[in-house]
């Protein structure tokens, strides 16, 4: 998922094996790609990178190329045995593209099943708690400006209280705008916090950005939660370094 939101009921998720045991890293947005860089030191995502656990400052191209990319459905992770991963992340506002509470709960249960005891789940969504519609019935997002086109983005009320619409207009010069509208599940912090607990996750740490800025319900653009799966501590104590 990118800044413009991807439609079509995408169920993409990402997993990574930080234990350095040669297992697979999984990227499921639909097409393989290579990362251009690791996130900055101090960001949340590097906690899931194997070089952090081995004291290496850089990841070689060979290591990056060794990642295995698979395409699948976050609602069905049965291809992976229970406890397969010590770290898993689902980012890009993917969860709200699931259509119902039941589907989101199923995805969280699948995440919990494939995580090792005390494994870490990192989730990122848009901060829906700050979405308040103006008199025109919109919640406007910053316009993305390009050399030849602008992308106008906004939320509007959905078909029921559990959903809102994400709408976009691609404005090309001397042409009619191209419009798109997709429904998103209104996944507020209160809902996600409760459903994570119901799925078996214990401690939760909430942030408003990947730079660990404090989560502010009225102002944070992102909603990021780092949750630990309940259970006995993993035998491989190196997993403790995932989270400071």
Protein backbone atom coordinates (compact mmCIF):
# COMPACT_ATOMS: atom_id res chain seq x y z
CA UNK A 1 0.00 0.00 0.00
CA UNK A 2 1.28 3.43 -0.84
CA UNK A 3 0.26 6.98 -0.05
CA UNK A 4 -2.54 6.85 -2.57
CA UNK A 5 -4.11 3.70 -1.13
CA UNK A 6 -4.46 0.57 -3.21
CA UNK A 7 -7.93 -0.79 -3.87
CA UNK A 8 -9.34 -4.12 -4.83
CA UNK A 9 -9.57 -5.67 -1.36
CA UNK A 10 -5.81 -6.06 -1.03
CA UNK A 11 -4.76 -8.32 1.85
CA UNK A 12 -1.02 -7.72 1.62
CA UNK A 13 1.24 -8.44 4.55
CA UNK A 14 4.95 -8.75 5.22
CA UNK A 15 6.92 -11.09 7.46
CA UNK A 16 10.60 -11.32 8.21
CA UNK A 17 12.72 -13.82 10.10
CA UNK A 18 15.14 -11.83 12.28
CA UNK A 19 16.70 -14.90 13.85
CA UNK A 20 19.07 -15.30 10.91
CA UNK A 21 18.29 -19.00 10.46
CA UNK A 22 17.89 -18.85 6.70
CA UNK A 23 14.11 -18.92 6.75
CA UNK A 24 12.10 -16.84 4.34
CA UNK A 25 11.21 -13.19 4.39
CA UNK A 26 7.79 -12.73 2.87
CA UNK A 27 6.40 -9.76 0.99
CA UNK A 28 2.86 -10.14 -0.28
CA UNK A 29 1.65 -6.99 -2.03
CA UNK A 30 1.34 -8.83 -5.33
CA UNK A 31 4.67 -8.21 -7.04
CA UNK A 32 8.29 -8.90 -6.00
CA UNK A 33 10.58 -5.93 -5.54
CA UNK A 34 13.91 -5.11 -3.90
CA UNK A 35 14.18 -2.55 -1.15
CA UNK A 36 16.20 0.52 -2.16
CA UNK A 37 17.47 0.98 1.39
CA UNK A 38 16.88 -0.18 4.93
CA UNK A 39 14.95 2.32 7.08
CA UNK A 40 16.96 4.84 9.07
CA UNK A 41 18.64 3.77 12.31
CA UNK A 42 16.24 4.38 15.19
CA UNK A 43 13.13 3.77 13.09
CA UNK A 44 10.81 0.92 14.00
CA UNK A 45 11.31 -1.30 10.96
CA UNK A 46 15.05 -2.03 11.46
CA UNK A 47 14.12 -4.01 14.56
CA UNK A 48 13.05 -6.75 12.15
CA UNK A 49 16.30 -6.75 10.15
CA UNK A 50 18.71 -9.64 10.78
CA UNK A 51 21.83 -7.45 10.64
CA UNK A 52 20.69 -5.72 13.84
CA UNK A 53 20.89 -9.04 15.67
CA UNK A 54 24.36 -9.93 14.41
CA UNK A 55 26.01 -6.58 15.12
CA UNK A 56 26.46 -5.72 11.45
CA UNK A 57 25.96 -2.14 10.34
CA UNK A 58 25.09 -2.89 6.72
CA UNK A 59 23.21 -5.56 4.84
CA UNK A 60 24.96 -6.83 1.73
CA UNK A 61 23.28 -7.04 -1.65
CA UNK A 62 23.61 -10.83 -1.45
CA UNK A 63 21.66 -10.89 1.81
CA UNK A 64 18.99 -8.57 0.40
CA UNK A 65 18.69 -10.69 -2.73
CA UNK A 66 18.28 -13.86 -0.63
CA UNK A 67 14.81 -12.80 0.51
CA UNK A 68 12.05 -15.03 -0.80
CA UNK A 69 8.88 -13.32 -2.01
CA UNK A 70 5.56 -15.14 -1.92
CA UNK A 71 2.04 -14.13 -2.87
CA UNK A 72 -0.79 -15.13 -0.57
CA UNK A 73 -3.73 -14.13 1.59
CA UNK A 74 -3.30 -12.73 5.09
CA UNK A 75 -6.52 -14.49 6.07
CA UNK A 76 -4.92 -17.88 5.42
CA UNK A 77 -1.32 -18.35 6.54
CA UNK A 78 -1.58 -22.11 6.97
CA UNK A 79 1.40 -22.61 4.63
CA UNK A 80 3.51 -21.53 7.63
CA UNK A 81 3.74 -23.77 10.74
CA UNK A 82 2.82 -22.21 14.09
CA UNK A 83 5.61 -20.12 15.60
CA UNK A 84 7.48 -19.68 12.31
CA UNK A 85 8.48 -16.04 12.79
CA UNK A 86 9.83 -13.87 15.59
CA UNK A 87 8.84 -10.65 13.84
CA UNK A 88 6.01 -9.80 11.47
CA UNK A 89 4.82 -6.49 10.06
CA UNK A 90 1.65 -5.43 8.28
CA UNK A 91 1.96 -1.86 7.03
CA UNK A 92 0.66 0.49 4.35
CA UNK A 93 -2.86 0.72 5.84
CA UNK A 94 -3.53 -2.85 4.70
CA UNK A 95 -5.80 -4.07 7.51
CA UNK A 96 -8.59 -1.51 6.87
CA UNK A 97 -8.96 -2.90 3.35
CA UNK A 98 -10.48 -6.03 4.88
CA UNK A 99 -14.24 -5.68 4.70
CA UNK A 100 -15.42 -6.66 8.17
CA UNK A 101 -14.56 -7.07 11.84
CA UNK A 102 -14.63 -10.83 11.33
CA UNK A 103 -11.97 -10.66 8.61
CA UNK A 104 -9.72 -8.36 10.66
CA UNK A 105 -10.02 -10.63 13.68
CA UNK A 106 -9.16 -13.61 11.45
CA UNK A 107 -6.03 -11.85 10.16
CA UNK A 108 -4.88 -10.98 13.69
CA UNK A 109 -5.43 -14.59 14.77
CA UNK A 110 -3.35 -15.76 11.79
CA UNK A 111 -0.56 -13.33 12.71
CA UNK A 112 -0.60 -14.61 16.28
CA UNK A 113 -0.47 -18.25 15.15
CA UNK A 114 2.66 -17.85 13.00
CA UNK A 115 4.55 -15.77 15.57
CA UNK A 116 6.88 -17.46 18.02
CA UNK A 117 6.26 -16.96 21.77
CA UNK A 118 7.05 -13.35 22.63
CA UNK A 119 7.23 -12.58 18.90
CA UNK A 120 6.60 -9.02 17.78
CA UNK A 121 3.88 -7.75 15.45
CA UNK A 122 4.17 -4.28 13.92
CA UNK A 123 0.95 -2.82 12.46
CA UNK A 124 0.54 0.53 10.70
CA UNK A 125 -2.70 2.13 9.61
CA UNK A 126 -3.99 5.61 9.02
CA UNK A 127 -5.06 7.24 12.30
CA UNK A 128 -8.80 7.00 11.85
CA UNK A 129 -9.43 8.61 15.26
CA UNK A 130 -8.62 12.02 13.78
CA UNK A 131 -11.00 11.70 10.82
CA UNK A 132 -13.76 14.26 11.28
CA UNK A 133 -15.81 15.39 8.31
CA UNK A 134 -16.23 19.09 7.55
CA UNK A 135 -19.43 20.83 6.49
CA UNK A 136 -18.98 19.53 2.95
CA UNK A 137 -18.79 15.94 4.19
CA UNK A 138 -15.06 15.54 3.56
CA UNK A 139 -11.88 14.95 5.51
CA UNK A 140 -9.18 16.25 3.22
CA UNK A 141 -5.68 14.79 2.99
CA UNK A 142 -2.64 16.65 1.62
CA UNK A 143 -2.59 16.83 -2.17
CA UNK A 144 0.31 15.04 -3.82
CA UNK A 145 1.72 17.34 -6.49
CA UNK A 146 3.67 16.10 -9.49
CA UNK A 147 5.16 17.69 -12.57
CA UNK A 148 2.29 16.61 -14.81
CA UNK A 149 -0.51 15.73 -12.42
CA UNK A 150 -1.86 16.27 -8.91
CA UNK A 151 -3.47 13.60 -6.75
CA UNK A 152 -6.28 14.95 -4.59
CA UNK A 153 -7.25 12.67 -1.71
CA UNK A 154 -10.03 12.78 0.87
CA UNK A 155 -12.30 10.64 3.03
CA UNK A 156 -16.10 10.72 2.91
CA UNK A 157 -18.77 8.93 4.98
CA UNK A 158 -19.13 5.28 4.08
CA UNK A 159 -22.15 3.08 3.44
CA UNK A 160 -22.48 2.23 7.17
CA UNK A 161 -20.99 3.32 10.53
CA UNK A 162 -18.14 0.79 10.24
CA UNK A 163 -16.75 2.11 6.95
CA UNK A 164 -15.58 5.29 5.27
CA UNK A 165 -14.70 5.90 1.64
CA UNK A 166 -11.22 6.80 0.50
CA UNK A 167 -11.62 8.92 -2.61
CA UNK A 168 -8.98 10.21 -4.98
CA UNK A 169 -8.88 12.42 -8.06
CA UNK A 170 -5.93 12.32 -10.44
CA UNK A 171 -5.92 15.74 -12.03
CA UNK A 172 -4.12 15.88 -15.37
CA UNK A 173 -3.56 19.08 -17.30
CA UNK A 174 -6.23 19.79 -19.92
CA UNK A 175 -8.19 16.69 -19.02
CA UNK A 176 -11.02 15.56 -16.80
CA UNK A 177 -9.86 14.17 -13.44
CA UNK A 178 -9.73 10.41 -13.00
CA UNK A 179 -11.74 9.48 -9.91
CA UNK A 180 -11.59 6.43 -7.68
CA UNK A 181 -13.43 5.44 -4.50
CA UNK A 182 -12.85 2.45 -2.21
CA UNK A 183 -14.35 1.53 1.18
CA UNK A 184 -12.13 1.21 4.24
CA UNK A 185 -12.99 -0.35 7.58
CA UNK A 186 -12.98 2.30 10.32
CA UNK A 187 -10.23 0.69 12.38
CA UNK A 188 -9.89 2.99 15.38
CA UNK A 189 -7.32 2.49 18.13
CA UNK A 190 -9.95 1.30 20.59
CA UNK A 191 -11.07 -1.43 18.21
CA UNK A 192 -7.59 -2.56 17.22
CA UNK A 193 -6.33 -2.51 20.80
CA UNK A 194 -9.20 -4.74 21.94
CA UNK A 195 -9.00 -7.14 18.99
CA UNK A 196 -5.24 -7.59 19.46
CA UNK A 197 -5.85 -8.55 23.08
CA UNK A 198 -8.59 -10.96 22.06
CA UNK A 199 -6.20 -12.56 19.54
CA UNK A 200 -3.66 -13.29 22.27
CA UNK A 201 -1.30 -10.32 22.13
CA UNK A 202 -0.03 -8.83 25.37
CA UNK A 203 1.91 -5.59 25.72
CA UNK A 204 1.27 -2.90 23.12
CA UNK A 205 3.31 0.20 22.33
CA UNK A 206 1.63 2.90 20.23
CA UNK A 207 3.35 5.51 18.06
CA UNK A 208 2.30 8.26 15.69
CA UNK A 209 5.22 7.79 13.28
CA UNK A 210 8.05 5.41 12.36
CA UNK A 211 10.38 7.77 14.24
CA UNK A 212 8.58 6.77 17.47
CA UNK A 213 6.78 10.06 17.95
CA UNK A 214 4.07 9.82 20.56
CA UNK A 215 0.66 8.76 19.29
CA UNK A 216 -1.77 11.69 19.46
CA UNK A 217 -5.33 10.70 18.52
CA UNK A 218 -6.25 14.16 17.26
CA UNK A 219 -3.10 14.99 15.29
CA UNK A 220 -1.02 11.92 14.38
CA UNK A 221 -1.30 11.01 10.69
CA UNK A 222 -0.31 7.39 11.31
CA UNK A 223 -1.32 4.85 13.89
CA UNK A 224 1.47 2.35 14.62
CA UNK A 225 1.28 -0.40 17.22
CA UNK A 226 3.99 -2.79 18.28
CA UNK A 227 2.45 -5.81 20.02
CA UNK A 228 4.02 -8.90 21.61
CA UNK A 229 2.51 -12.36 21.39
CA UNK A 230 1.86 -13.79 24.84
CA UNK A 231 3.72 -16.95 25.81
CA UNK A 232 6.94 -18.24 27.29
CA UNK A 233 10.08 -16.29 26.29
CA UNK A 234 11.69 -17.66 23.14
CA UNK A 235 14.67 -19.98 23.75
CA UNK A 236 16.73 -17.91 21.30
CA UNK A 237 17.44 -14.89 23.52
CA UNK A 238 18.68 -12.87 20.54
CA UNK A 239 15.01 -12.15 19.82
CA UNK A 240 15.01 -9.87 22.87
CA UNK A 241 16.99 -7.31 20.87
CA UNK A 242 14.14 -6.81 18.43
CA UNK A 243 12.63 -4.29 20.82
CA UNK A 244 14.90 -2.15 23.03
